[in-house]
Amino acid sequence: MNDERRSAPRKPISAPIEVVDSMSGENIGRVGNLSRTGMMLICHRPLRDDALYQLKFRLPDRRGAPTDIETGVHTMWTELAATNGYQWSGLRIISISGSAAASLDHWLEQSAAR
C-alpha cells in the first residue's frame, strides 16, 4: 500500500501484539504496524477484502499496565505473505472508544519517543 494514501504514519512494532476477533474470541494474528487510523496485520487466519471486523488487542496504558483496545476495522487490502499460511491485511480503524483512542495515542507517542 502506498504511504501517500495513509492519513497517519504507521509505527513498527518491536514486541508482538496479538490480535483477537472479538466476535469469535479467536486469535487471528499479530500487529505488523499501527497508527491512529489503521494497522497492518500478519494473519494466520485469512481476512476477507472489504469486510468489517471487531478486533481486540492489548497495549500498555500510561502506568504501563496492559489495557484492552477494541476497534471496529474495515479491510482495505489483503496479500499472501511469503510464509505459507499467512496473509498481510491492511485495516482502517472505523470505530474506537474515547478511552481506547487515548490509550492508543499514548502508546503511539511513547513509541515515537524511542
PDB file of N, CA and C in Angstrom:
ATOM      1  N   MET A   1       0.845  -1.174   0.000  1.00  0.00           N
ATOM      2  CA  MET A   1       0.000   0.000   0.000  1.00  0.00           C
ATOM      3  C   MET A   1       0.890   1.237   0.000  1.00  0.00           C
ATOM      4  N   ASN A   2       0.538   2.254  -0.773  1.00  0.00           N
ATOM      5  CA  ASN A   2       1.300   3.485  -0.824  1.00  0.00           C
ATOM      6  C   ASN A   2       1.167   4.269   0.467  1.00  0.00           C
ATOM      7  N   ASP A   3       2.298   4.760   0.999  1.00  0.00           N
ATOM      8  CA  ASP A   3       2.268   5.585   2.195  1.00  0.00           C
ATOM      9  C   ASP A   3       1.468   6.861   1.976  1.00  0.00           C
ATOM     10  N   GLU A   4       1.426   7.372   0.727  1.00  0.00           N
ATOM     11  CA  GLU A   4       0.723   8.611   0.434  1.00  0.00           C
ATOM     12  C   GLU A   4      -0.775   8.494   0.721  1.00  0.00           C
ATOM     13  N   ARG A   5      -1.315   7.306   0.718  1.00  0.00           N
ATOM     14  CA  ARG A   5      -2.746   7.107   0.948  1.00  0.00           C
ATOM     15  C   ARG A   5      -3.093   7.070   2.431  1.00  0.00           C
ATOM     16  N   ARG A   6      -2.116   6.987   3.292  1.00  0.00           N
ATOM     17  CA  ARG A   6      -2.375   6.905   4.730  1.00  0.00           C
ATOM     18  C   ARG A   6      -2.594   8.287   5.308  1.00  0.00           C
ATOM     19  N   SER A   7      -3.536   8.386   6.232  1.00  0.00           N
ATOM     20  CA  SER A   7      -3.800   9.670   6.877  1.00  0.00           C
ATOM     21  C   SER A   7      -2.929   9.870   8.121  1.00  0.00           C
ATOM     22  N   ALA A   8      -2.263   8.825   8.593  1.00  0.00           N
ATOM     23  CA  ALA A   8      -1.379   8.932   9.758  1.00  0.00           C
ATOM     24  C   ALA A   8      -0.217   7.960   9.573  1.00  0.00           C
ATOM     25  N   PRO A   9       0.990   8.365   9.983  1.00  0.00           N
ATOM     26  CA  PRO A   9       2.140   7.462   9.824  1.00  0.00           C
ATOM     27  C   PRO A   9       2.000   6.217  10.699  1.00  0.00           C
ATOM     28  N   ARG A  10       2.428   5.098  10.166  1.00  0.00           N
ATOM     29  CA  ARG A  10       2.379   3.843  10.910  1.00  0.00           C
ATOM     30  C   ARG A  10       3.655   3.658  11.715  1.00  0.00           C
ATOM     31  N   LYS A  11       3.527   3.094  12.916  1.00  0.00           N
ATOM     32  CA  LYS A  11       4.662   2.807  13.783  1.00  0.00           C
ATOM     33  C   LYS A  11       4.939   1.308  13.741  1.00  0.00           C
ATOM     34  N   PRO A  12       6.201   0.916  13.461  1.00  0.00           N
ATOM     35  CA  PRO A  12       6.527  -0.515  13.505  1.00  0.00           C
ATOM     36  C   PRO A  12       6.412  -1.041  14.935  1.00  0.00           C
ATOM     37  N   ILE A  13       6.205  -2.330  15.055  1.00  0.00           N
ATOM     38  CA  ILE A  13       6.005  -2.972  16.356  1.00  0.00           C
ATOM     39  C   ILE A  13       7.287  -3.675  16.764  1.00  0.00           C
ATOM     40  N   SER A  14       7.765  -3.408  17.996  1.00  0.00           N
ATOM     41  CA  SER A  14       9.005  -4.039  18.458  1.00  0.00           C
ATOM     42  C   SER A  14       8.749  -5.338  19.218  1.00  0.00           C
ATOM     43  N   ALA A  15       7.603  -5.452  19.880  1.00  0.00           N
ATOM     44  CA  ALA A  15       7.241  -6.682  20.607  1.00  0.00           C
ATOM     45  C   ALA A  15       5.902  -7.162  20.059  1.00  0.00           C
ATOM     46  N   PRO A  16       5.689  -8.467  19.990  1.00  0.00           N
ATOM     47  CA  PRO A  16       4.433  -8.984  19.411  1.00  0.00           C
ATOM     48  C   PRO A  16       3.186  -8.455  20.130  1.00  0.00           C
ATOM     49  N   ILE A  17       2.218  -8.034  19.340  1.00  0.00           N
ATOM     50  CA  ILE A  17       0.909  -7.632  19.849  1.00  0.00           C
ATOM     51  C   ILE A  17      -0.107  -8.546  19.181  1.00  0.00           C
ATOM     52  N   GLU A  18      -0.616  -9.487  19.944  1.00  0.00           N
ATOM     53  CA  GLU A  18      -1.580 -10.458  19.424  1.00  0.00           C
ATOM     54  C   GLU A  18      -2.946  -9.802  19.253  1.00  0.00           C
ATOM     55  N   VAL A  19      -3.668 -10.214  18.203  1.00  0.00           N
ATOM     56  CA  VAL A  19      -4.970  -9.643  17.882  1.00  0.00           C
ATOM     57  C   VAL A  19      -6.022 -10.750  17.897  1.00  0.00           C
ATOM     58  N   VAL A  20      -7.150 -10.457  18.542  1.00  0.00           N
ATOM     59  CA  VAL A  20      -8.243 -11.410  18.694  1.00  0.00           C
ATOM     60  C   VAL A  20      -9.478 -10.859  17.985  1.00  0.00           C
ATOM     61  N   ASP A  21     -10.191 -11.729  17.295  1.00  0.00           N
ATOM     62  CA  ASP A  21     -11.500 -11.395  16.724  1.00  0.00           C
ATOM     63  C   ASP A  21     -12.479 -11.347  17.898  1.00  0.00           C
ATOM     64  N   SER A  22     -13.026 -10.176  18.180  1.00  0.00           N
ATOM     65  CA  SER A  22     -13.913 -10.012  19.343  1.00  0.00           C
ATOM     66  C   SER A  22     -15.171 -10.851  19.249  1.00  0.00           C
ATOM     67  N   MET A  23     -15.635 -11.131  18.062  1.00  0.00           N
ATOM     68  CA  MET A  23     -16.877 -11.890  17.896  1.00  0.00           C
ATOM     69  C   MET A  23     -16.685 -13.372  18.177  1.00  0.00           C
ATOM     70  N   SER A  24     -15.551 -13.940  17.712  1.00  0.00           N
ATOM     71  CA  SER A  24     -15.324 -15.382  17.876  1.00  0.00           C
ATOM     72  C   SER A  24     -14.385 -15.708  19.035  1.00  0.00           C
ATOM     73  N   GLY A  25     -13.611 -14.731  19.494  1.00  0.00           N
ATOM     74  CA  GLY A  25     -12.617 -14.981  20.531  1.00  0.00           C
ATOM     75  C   GLY A  25     -11.348 -15.626  19.997  1.00  0.00           C
ATOM     76  N   GLU A  26     -11.271 -15.805  18.682  1.00  0.00           N
ATOM     77  CA  GLU A  26     -10.141 -16.479  18.051  1.00  0.00           C
ATOM     78  C   GLU A  26      -8.980 -15.516  17.824  1.00  0.00           C
ATOM     79  N   ASN A  27      -7.764 -15.978  18.134  1.00  0.00           N
ATOM     80  CA  ASN A  27      -6.552 -15.225  17.812  1.00  0.00           C
ATOM     81  C   ASN A  27      -6.367 -15.306  16.301  1.00  0.00           C
ATOM     82  N   ILE A  28      -6.320 -14.141  15.639  1.00  0.00           N
ATOM     83  CA  ILE A  28      -6.203 -14.157  14.179  1.00  0.00           C
ATOM     84  C   ILE A  28      -4.824 -13.761  13.674  1.00  0.00           C
ATOM     85  N   GLY A  29      -3.978 -13.247  14.561  1.00  0.00           N
ATOM     86  CA  GLY A  29      -2.635 -12.866  14.119  1.00  0.00           C
ATOM     87  C   GLY A  29      -2.015 -11.848  15.052  1.00  0.00           C
ATOM     88  N   ARG A  30      -1.106 -11.041  14.472  1.00  0.00           N
ATOM     89  CA  ARG A  30      -0.433 -10.021  15.273  1.00  0.00           C
ATOM     90  C   ARG A  30      -0.258  -8.756  14.452  1.00  0.00           C
ATOM     91  N   VAL A  31      -0.085  -7.655  15.167  1.00  0.00           N
ATOM     92  CA  VAL A  31       0.070  -6.356  14.530  1.00  0.00           C
ATOM     93  C   VAL A  31       1.453  -6.267  13.889  1.00  0.00           C
ATOM     94  N   GLY A  32       1.492  -5.811  12.633  1.00  0.00           N
ATOM     95  CA  GLY A  32       2.762  -5.558  11.951  1.00  0.00           C
ATOM     96  C   GLY A  32       3.184  -4.107  12.112  1.00  0.00           C
ATOM     97  N   ASN A  33       2.216  -3.194  11.966  1.00  0.00           N
ATOM     98  CA  ASN A  33       2.437  -1.782  12.251  1.00  0.00           C
ATOM     99  C   ASN A  33       1.094  -1.175  12.621  1.00  0.00           C
ATOM    100  N   LEU A  34       1.151   0.021  13.228  1.00  0.00           N
ATOM    101  CA  LEU A  34      -0.052   0.575  13.836  1.00  0.00           C
ATOM    102  C   LEU A  34      -0.013   2.096  13.784  1.00  0.00           C
ATOM    103  N   SER A  35      -1.164   2.700  13.536  1.00  0.00           N
ATOM    104  CA  SER A  35      -1.323   4.152  13.623  1.00  0.00           C
ATOM    105  C   SER A  35      -2.672   4.452  14.262  1.00  0.00           C
ATOM    106  N   ARG A  36      -2.975   5.720  14.401  1.00  0.00           N
ATOM    107  CA  ARG A  36      -4.247   6.131  14.986  1.00  0.00           C
ATOM    108  C   ARG A  36      -5.422   5.775  14.075  1.00  0.00           C
ATOM    109  N   THR A  37      -5.142   5.617  12.778  1.00  0.00           N
ATOM    110  CA  THR A  37      -6.223   5.382  11.828  1.00  0.00           C
ATOM    111  C   THR A  37      -6.211   4.013  11.177  1.00  0.00           C
ATOM    112  N   GLY A  38      -5.187   3.196  11.465  1.00  0.00           N
ATOM    113  CA  GLY A  38      -5.151   1.891  10.829  1.00  0.00           C
ATOM    114  C   GLY A  38      -4.018   1.018  11.306  1.00  0.00           C
ATOM    115  N   MET A  39      -3.953  -0.171  10.736  1.00  0.00           N
ATOM    116  CA  MET A  39      -2.913  -1.128  11.109  1.00  0.00           C
ATOM    117  C   MET A  39      -2.724  -2.138   9.993  1.00  0.00           C
ATOM    118  N   MET A  40      -1.571  -2.774  10.026  1.00  0.00           N
ATOM    119  CA  MET A  40      -1.315  -3.897   9.144  1.00  0.00           C
ATOM    120  C   MET A  40      -1.186  -5.118  10.044  1.00  0.00           C
ATOM    121  N   LEU A  41      -1.955  -6.151   9.727  1.00  0.00           N
ATOM    122  CA  LEU A  41      -1.910  -7.389  10.498  1.00  0.00           C
ATOM    123  C   LEU A  41      -1.171  -8.461   9.725  1.00  0.00           C
ATOM    124  N   ILE A  42      -0.475  -9.301  10.454  1.00  0.00           N
ATOM    125  CA  ILE A  42       0.105 -10.527   9.920  1.00  0.00           C
ATOM    126  C   ILE A  42      -0.808 -11.628  10.432  1.00  0.00           C
ATOM    127  N   CYS A  43      -1.642 -12.143   9.544  1.00  0.00           N
ATOM    128  CA  CYS A  43      -2.728 -13.049   9.933  1.00  0.00           C
ATOM    129  C   CYS A  43      -2.391 -14.506   9.647  1.00  0.00           C
ATOM    130  N   HIS A  44      -2.741 -15.386  10.583  1.00  0.00           N
ATOM    131  CA  HIS A  44      -2.665 -16.815  10.300  1.00  0.00           C
ATOM    132  C   HIS A  44      -4.058 -17.368   9.992  1.00  0.00           C
ATOM    133  N   ARG A  45      -5.060 -16.499  10.067  1.00  0.00           N
ATOM    134  CA  ARG A  45      -6.403 -16.806   9.595  1.00  0.00           C
ATOM    135  C   ARG A  45      -6.765 -15.744   8.568  1.00  0.00           C
ATOM    136  N   PRO A  46      -7.050 -16.142   7.337  1.00  0.00           N
ATOM    137  CA  PRO A  46      -7.300 -15.142   6.294  1.00  0.00           C
ATOM    138  C   PRO A  46      -8.478 -14.233   6.615  1.00  0.00           C
ATOM    139  N   LEU A  47      -8.319 -12.956   6.309  1.00  0.00           N
ATOM    140  CA  LEU A  47      -9.410 -11.995   6.390  1.00  0.00           C
ATOM    141  C   LEU A  47      -9.906 -11.726   4.972  1.00  0.00           C
ATOM    142  N   ARG A  48     -11.144 -11.315   4.865  1.00  0.00           N
ATOM    143  CA  ARG A  48     -11.728 -11.021   3.548  1.00  0.00           C
ATOM    144  C   ARG A  48     -11.502  -9.559   3.196  1.00  0.00           C
ATOM    145  N   ASP A  49     -11.262  -9.297   1.916  1.00  0.00           N
ATOM    146  CA  ASP A  49     -11.190  -7.918   1.431  1.00  0.00           C
ATOM    147  C   ASP A  49     -12.531  -7.226   1.624  1.00  0.00           C
ATOM    148  N   ASP A  50     -12.479  -5.928   1.902  1.00  0.00           N
ATOM    149  CA  ASP A  50     -13.668  -5.091   2.003  1.00  0.00           C
ATOM    150  C   ASP A  50     -14.686  -5.637   3.003  1.00  0.00           C
ATOM    151  N   ALA A  51     -14.188  -6.152   4.126  1.00  0.00           N
ATOM    152  CA  ALA A  51     -15.056  -6.708   5.169  1.00  0.00           C
ATOM    153  C   ALA A  51     -14.879  -5.902   6.456  1.00  0.00           C
ATOM    154  N   LEU A  52     -15.849  -6.031   7.354  1.00  0.00           N
ATOM    155  CA  LEU A  52     -15.798  -5.365   8.653  1.00  0.00           C
ATOM    156  C   LEU A  52     -15.505  -6.395   9.737  1.00  0.00           C
ATOM    157  N   TYR A  53     -14.646  -6.017  10.682  1.00  0.00           N
ATOM    158  CA  TYR A  53     -14.296  -6.889  11.801  1.00  0.00           C
ATOM    159  C   TYR A  53     -14.264  -6.063  13.080  1.00  0.00           C
ATOM    160  N   GLN A  54     -14.482  -6.733  14.198  1.00  0.00           N
ATOM    161  CA  GLN A  54     -14.330  -6.153  15.523  1.00  0.00           C
ATOM    162  C   GLN A  54     -13.130  -6.861  16.154  1.00  0.00           C
ATOM    163  N   LEU A  55     -12.051  -6.106  16.411  1.00  0.00           N
ATOM    164  CA  LEU A  55     -10.807  -6.704  16.893  1.00  0.00           C
ATOM    165  C   LEU A  55     -10.407  -6.143  18.246  1.00  0.00           C
ATOM    166  N   LYS A  56      -9.657  -6.964  18.987  1.00  0.00           N
ATOM    167  CA  LYS A  56      -9.177  -6.559  20.300  1.00  0.00           C
ATOM    168  C   LYS A  56      -7.696  -6.905  20.405  1.00  0.00           C
ATOM    169  N   PHE A  57      -6.918  -5.975  20.996  1.00  0.00           N
ATOM    170  CA  PHE A  57      -5.506  -6.214  21.277  1.00  0.00           C
ATOM    171  C   PHE A  57      -5.136  -5.420  22.518  1.00  0.00           C
ATOM    172  N   ARG A  58      -3.959  -5.701  23.070  1.00  0.00           N
ATOM    173  CA  ARG A  58      -3.533  -5.046  24.310  1.00  0.00           C
ATOM    174  C   ARG A  58      -2.327  -4.159  24.079  1.00  0.00           C
ATOM    175  N   LEU A  59      -2.391  -2.979  24.708  1.00  0.00           N
ATOM    176  CA  LEU A  59      -1.259  -2.054  24.740  1.00  0.00           C
ATOM    177  C   LEU A  59      -1.072  -1.603  26.180  1.00  0.00           C
ATOM    178  N   PRO A  60       0.152  -1.222  26.562  1.00  0.00           N
ATOM    179  CA  PRO A  60       0.338  -0.689  27.912  1.00  0.00           C
ATOM    180  C   PRO A  60      -0.317   0.690  28.042  1.00  0.00           C
ATOM    181  N   ASP A  61      -0.945   0.956  29.190  1.00  0.00           N
ATOM    182  CA  ASP A  61      -1.542   2.271  29.422  1.00  0.00           C
ATOM    183  C   ASP A  61      -0.481   3.220  29.986  1.00  0.00           C
ATOM    184  N   ARG A  62      -0.908   4.369  30.448  1.00  0.00           N
ATOM    185  CA  ARG A  62       0.023   5.391  30.954  1.00  0.00           C
ATOM    186  C   ARG A  62       0.855   4.893  32.132  1.00  0.00           C
ATOM    187  N   ARG A  63       0.327   3.946  32.885  1.00  0.00           N
ATOM    188  CA  ARG A  63       1.049   3.394  34.033  1.00  0.00           C
ATOM    189  C   ARG A  63       1.851   2.151  33.654  1.00  0.00           C
ATOM    190  N   GLY A  64       1.738   1.733  32.405  1.00  0.00           N
ATOM    191  CA  GLY A  64       2.455   0.544  31.955  1.00  0.00           C
ATOM    192  C   GLY A  64       1.654  -0.738  32.090  1.00  0.00           C
ATOM    193  N   ALA A  65       0.430  -0.647  32.638  1.00  0.00           N
ATOM    194  CA  ALA A  65      -0.426  -1.827  32.782  1.00  0.00           C
ATOM    195  C   ALA A  65      -1.094  -2.127  31.441  1.00  0.00           C
ATOM    196  N   PRO A  66      -1.314  -3.406  31.125  1.00  0.00           N
ATOM    197  CA  PRO A  66      -1.973  -3.723  29.853  1.00  0.00           C
ATOM    198  C   PRO A  66      -3.422  -3.253  29.848  1.00  0.00           C
ATOM    199  N   THR A  67      -3.816  -2.673  28.734  1.00  0.00           N
ATOM    200  CA  THR A  67      -5.201  -2.237  28.559  1.00  0.00           C
ATOM    201  C   THR A  67      -5.715  -2.764  27.228  1.00  0.00           C
ATOM    202  N   ASP A  68      -6.957  -3.244  27.230  1.00  0.00           N
ATOM    203  CA  ASP A  68      -7.556  -3.765  26.010  1.00  0.00           C
ATOM    204  C   ASP A  68      -7.989  -2.613  25.113  1.00  0.00           C
ATOM    205  N   ILE A  69      -7.645  -2.725  23.841  1.00  0.00           N
ATOM    206  CA  ILE A  69      -8.073  -1.785  22.815  1.00  0.00           C
ATOM    207  C   ILE A  69      -9.011  -2.554  21.901  1.00  0.00           C
ATOM    208  N   GLU A  70     -10.245  -2.115  21.818  1.00  0.00           N
ATOM    209  CA  GLU A  70     -11.200  -2.764  20.926  1.00  0.00           C
ATOM    210  C   GLU A  70     -11.543  -1.782  19.814  1.00  0.00           C
ATOM    211  N   THR A  71     -11.469  -2.266  18.579  1.00  0.00           N
ATOM    212  CA  THR A  71     -11.690  -1.409  17.428  1.00  0.00           C
ATOM    213  C   THR A  71     -12.579  -2.102  16.402  1.00  0.00           C
ATOM    214  N   GLY A  72     -13.363  -1.299  15.721  1.00  0.00           N
ATOM    215  CA  GLY A  72     -14.049  -1.745  14.522  1.00  0.00           C
ATOM    216  C   GLY A  72     -13.149  -1.379  13.355  1.00  0.00           C
ATOM    217  N   VAL A  73     -12.914  -2.322  12.455  1.00  0.00           N
ATOM    218  CA  VAL A  73     -11.999  -2.079  11.338  1.00  0.00           C
ATOM    219  C   VAL A  73     -12.632  -2.498  10.014  1.00  0.00           C
ATOM    220  N   HIS A  74     -12.104  -1.912   8.946  1.00  0.00           N
ATOM    221  CA  HIS A  74     -12.510  -2.235   7.582  1.00  0.00           C
ATOM    222  C   HIS A  74     -11.274  -2.733   6.851  1.00  0.00           C
ATOM    223  N   THR A  75     -11.356  -3.918   6.245  1.00  0.00           N
ATOM    224  CA  THR A  75     -10.231  -4.471   5.494  1.00  0.00           C
ATOM    225  C   THR A  75     -10.092  -3.709   4.184  1.00  0.00           C
ATOM    226  N   MET A  76      -8.950  -3.067   4.003  1.00  0.00           N
ATOM    227  CA  MET A  76      -8.690  -2.277   2.795  1.00  0.00           C
ATOM    228  C   MET A  76      -7.994  -3.113   1.722  1.00  0.00           C
ATOM    229  N   TRP A  77      -7.138  -4.036   2.148  1.00  0.00           N
ATOM    230  CA  TRP A  77      -6.416  -4.894   1.205  1.00  0.00           C
ATOM    231  C   TRP A  77      -5.912  -6.134   1.938  1.00  0.00           C
ATOM    232  N   THR A  78      -5.662  -7.178   1.193  1.00  0.00           N
ATOM    233  CA  THR A  78      -5.040  -8.396   1.717  1.00  0.00           C
ATOM    234  C   THR A  78      -4.027  -8.879   0.685  1.00  0.00           C
ATOM    235  N   GLU A  79      -3.008  -9.568   1.180  1.00  0.00           N
ATOM    236  CA  GLU A  79      -1.965 -10.093   0.299  1.00  0.00           C
ATOM    237  C   GLU A  79      -1.359 -11.335   0.958  1.00  0.00           C
ATOM    238  N   LEU A  80      -1.126 -12.367   0.168  1.00  0.00           N
ATOM    239  CA  LEU A  80      -0.475 -13.555   0.708  1.00  0.00           C
ATOM    240  C   LEU A  80       0.944 -13.209   1.121  1.00  0.00           C
ATOM    241  N   ALA A  81       1.360 -13.705   2.277  1.00  0.00           N
ATOM    242  CA  ALA A  81       2.718 -13.484   2.764  1.00  0.00           C
ATOM    243  C   ALA A  81       3.646 -14.539   2.164  1.00  0.00           C
ATOM    244  N   ALA A  82       4.939 -14.299   2.254  1.00  0.00           N
ATOM    245  CA  ALA A  82       5.919 -15.249   1.730  1.00  0.00           C
ATOM    246  C   ALA A  82       5.890 -16.564   2.505  1.00  0.00           C
ATOM    247  N   THR A  83       5.486 -16.505   3.779  1.00  0.00           N
ATOM    248  CA  THR A  83       5.395 -17.703   4.608  1.00  0.00           C
ATOM    249  C   THR A  83       4.044 -18.366   4.371  1.00  0.00           C
ATOM    250  N   ASN A  84       4.064 -19.672   4.060  1.00  0.00           N
ATOM    251  CA  ASN A  84       2.822 -20.411   3.800  1.00  0.00           C
ATOM    252  C   ASN A  84       1.832 -20.269   4.937  1.00  0.00           C
ATOM    253  N   GLY A  85       0.584 -20.041   4.578  1.00  0.00           N
ATOM    254  CA  GLY A  85      -0.485 -19.986   5.565  1.00  0.00           C
ATOM    255  C   GLY A  85      -0.684 -18.623   6.200  1.00  0.00           C
ATOM    256  N   TYR A  86       0.119 -17.629   5.836  1.00  0.00           N
ATOM    257  CA  TYR A  86      -0.014 -16.292   6.414  1.00  0.00           C
ATOM    258  C   TYR A  86      -0.472 -15.293   5.367  1.00  0.00           C
ATOM    259  N   GLN A  87      -1.100 -14.242   5.853  1.00  0.00           N
ATOM    260  CA  GLN A  87      -1.620 -13.189   5.000  1.00  0.00           C
ATOM    261  C   GLN A  87      -1.331 -11.845   5.667  1.00  0.00           C
ATOM    262  N   TRP A  88      -1.019 -10.841   4.875  1.00  0.00           N
ATOM    263  CA  TRP A  88      -0.935  -9.469   5.363  1.00  0.00           C
ATOM    264  C   TRP A  88      -2.263  -8.815   5.061  1.00  0.00           C
ATOM    265  N   SER A  89      -2.756  -8.034   5.996  1.00  0.00           N
ATOM    266  CA  SER A  89      -4.026  -7.336   5.798  1.00  0.00           C
ATOM    267  C   SER A  89      -3.889  -5.898   6.267  1.00  0.00           C
ATOM    268  N   GLY A  90      -4.269  -4.968   5.395  1.00  0.00           N
ATOM    269  CA  GLY A  90      -4.292  -3.556   5.754  1.00  0.00           C
ATOM    270  C   GLY A  90      -5.687  -3.179   6.217  1.00  0.00           C
ATOM    271  N   LEU A  91      -5.779  -2.613   7.414  1.00  0.00           N
ATOM    272  CA  LEU A  91      -7.072  -2.314   8.023  1.00  0.00           C
ATOM    273  C   LEU A  91      -7.182  -0.838   8.380  1.00  0.00           C
ATOM    274  N   ARG A  92      -8.338  -0.270   8.135  1.00  0.00           N
ATOM    275  CA  ARG A  92      -8.629   1.102   8.541  1.00  0.00           C
ATOM    276  C   ARG A  92      -9.506   1.041   9.784  1.00  0.00           C
ATOM    277  N   ILE A  93      -9.131   1.778  10.818  1.00  0.00           N
ATOM    278  CA  ILE A  93      -9.937   1.833  12.040  1.00  0.00           C
ATOM    279  C   ILE A  93     -11.136   2.737  11.777  1.00  0.00           C
ATOM    280  N   ILE A  94     -12.326   2.182  11.972  1.00  0.00           N
ATOM    281  CA  ILE A  94     -13.546   2.958  11.735  1.00  0.00           C
ATOM    282  C   ILE A  94     -14.322   3.236  13.016  1.00  0.00           C
ATOM    283  N   SER A  95     -13.965   2.538  14.101  1.00  0.00           N
ATOM    284  CA  SER A  95     -14.663   2.734  15.371  1.00  0.00           C
ATOM    285  C   SER A  95     -13.713   2.415  16.520  1.00  0.00           C
ATOM    286  N   ILE A  96     -13.631   3.345  17.480  1.00  0.00           N
ATOM    287  CA  ILE A  96     -12.806   3.130  18.674  1.00  0.00           C
ATOM    288  C   ILE A  96     -13.362   4.031  19.773  1.00  0.00           C
ATOM    289  N   SER A  97     -13.428   3.530  21.001  1.00  0.00           N
ATOM    290  CA  SER A  97     -13.953   4.336  22.108  1.00  0.00           C
ATOM    291  C   SER A  97     -12.963   5.445  22.460  1.00  0.00           C
ATOM    292  N   GLY A  98     -13.444   6.446  23.165  1.00  0.00           N
ATOM    293  CA  GLY A  98     -12.583   7.554  23.588  1.00  0.00           C
ATOM    294  C   GLY A  98     -11.431   7.112  24.460  1.00  0.00           C
ATOM    295  N   SER A  99     -11.689   6.215  25.410  1.00  0.00           N
ATOM    296  CA  SER A  99     -10.615   5.759  26.302  1.00  0.00           C
ATOM    297  C   SER A  99      -9.607   4.889  25.554  1.00  0.00           C
ATOM    298  N   ALA A 100     -10.093   4.046  24.642  1.00  0.00           N
ATOM    299  CA  ALA A 100      -9.172   3.224  23.846  1.00  0.00           C
ATOM    300  C   ALA A 100      -8.343   4.107  22.920  1.00  0.00           C
ATOM    301  N   ALA A 101      -8.959   5.139  22.338  1.00  0.00           N
ATOM    302  CA  ALA A 101      -8.229   6.069  21.468  1.00  0.00           C
ATOM    303  C   ALA A 101      -7.148   6.795  22.262  1.00  0.00           C
ATOM    304  N   ALA A 102      -7.455   7.195  23.503  1.00  0.00           N
ATOM    305  CA  ALA A 102      -6.464   7.872  24.345  1.00  0.00           C
ATOM    306  C   ALA A 102      -5.293   6.934  24.650  1.00  0.00           C
ATOM    307  N   SER A 103      -5.579   5.669  24.940  1.00  0.00           N
ATOM    308  CA  SER A 103      -4.517   4.700  25.200  1.00  0.00           C
ATOM    309  C   SER A 103      -3.669   4.464  23.954  1.00  0.00           C
ATOM    310  N   LEU A 104      -4.312   4.365  22.799  1.00  0.00           N
ATOM    311  CA  LEU A 104      -3.592   4.188  21.543  1.00  0.00           C
ATOM    312  C   LEU A 104      -2.720   5.412  21.260  1.00  0.00           C
ATOM    313  N   ASP A 105      -3.255   6.611  21.438  1.00  0.00           N
ATOM    314  CA  ASP A 105      -2.481   7.837  21.220  1.00  0.00           C
ATOM    315  C   ASP A 105      -1.258   7.874  22.137  1.00  0.00           C
ATOM    316  N   HIS A 106      -1.455   7.511  23.396  1.00  0.00           N
ATOM    317  CA  HIS A 106      -0.340   7.489  24.349  1.00  0.00           C
ATOM    318  C   HIS A 106       0.732   6.498  23.898  1.00  0.00           C
ATOM    319  N   TRP A 107       0.325   5.306  23.503  1.00  0.00           N
ATOM    320  CA  TRP A 107       1.285   4.300  23.047  1.00  0.00           C
ATOM    321  C   TRP A 107       2.052   4.807  21.827  1.00  0.00           C
ATOM    322  N   LEU A 108       1.350   5.433  20.888  1.00  0.00           N
ATOM    323  CA  LEU A 108       1.994   5.959  19.684  1.00  0.00           C
ATOM    324  C   LEU A 108       3.011   7.061  20.039  1.00  0.00           C
ATOM    325  N   GLU A 109       2.649   7.932  20.974  1.00  0.00           N
ATOM    326  CA  GLU A 109       3.580   8.984  21.428  1.00  0.00           C
ATOM    327  C   GLU A 109       4.815   8.378  22.073  1.00  0.00           C
ATOM    328  N   GLN A 110       4.599   7.352  22.912  1.00  0.00           N
ATOM    329  CA  GLN A 110       5.731   6.700  23.592  1.00  0.00           C
ATOM    330  C   GLN A 110       6.641   5.998  22.591  1.00  0.00           C
ATOM    331  N   SER A 111       6.058   5.337  21.602  1.00  0.00           N
ATOM    332  CA  SER A 111       6.872   4.610  20.632  1.00  0.00           C
ATOM    333  C   SER A 111       7.604   5.581  19.713  1.00  0.00           C
ATOM    334  N   ALA A 112       7.045   6.770  19.469  1.00  0.00           N
ATOM    335  CA  ALA A 112       7.727   7.770  18.640  1.00  0.00           C
ATOM    336  C   ALA A 112       8.929   8.347  19.370  1.00  0.00           C
ATOM    337  N   ALA A 113       8.858   8.385  20.718  1.00  0.00           N
ATOM    338  CA  ALA A 113       9.951   8.939  21.512  1.00  0.00           C
ATOM    339  C   ALA A 113      11.144   7.999  21.602  1.00  0.00           C
ATOM    340  N   ARG A 114      10.963   6.728  21.273  1.00  0.00           N
ATOM    341  CA  ARG A 114      12.056   5.753  21.387  1.00  0.00           C
ATOM    342  C   ARG A 114      12.991   5.830  20.222  1.00  0.00           C
TER     343      ARG A 114
END
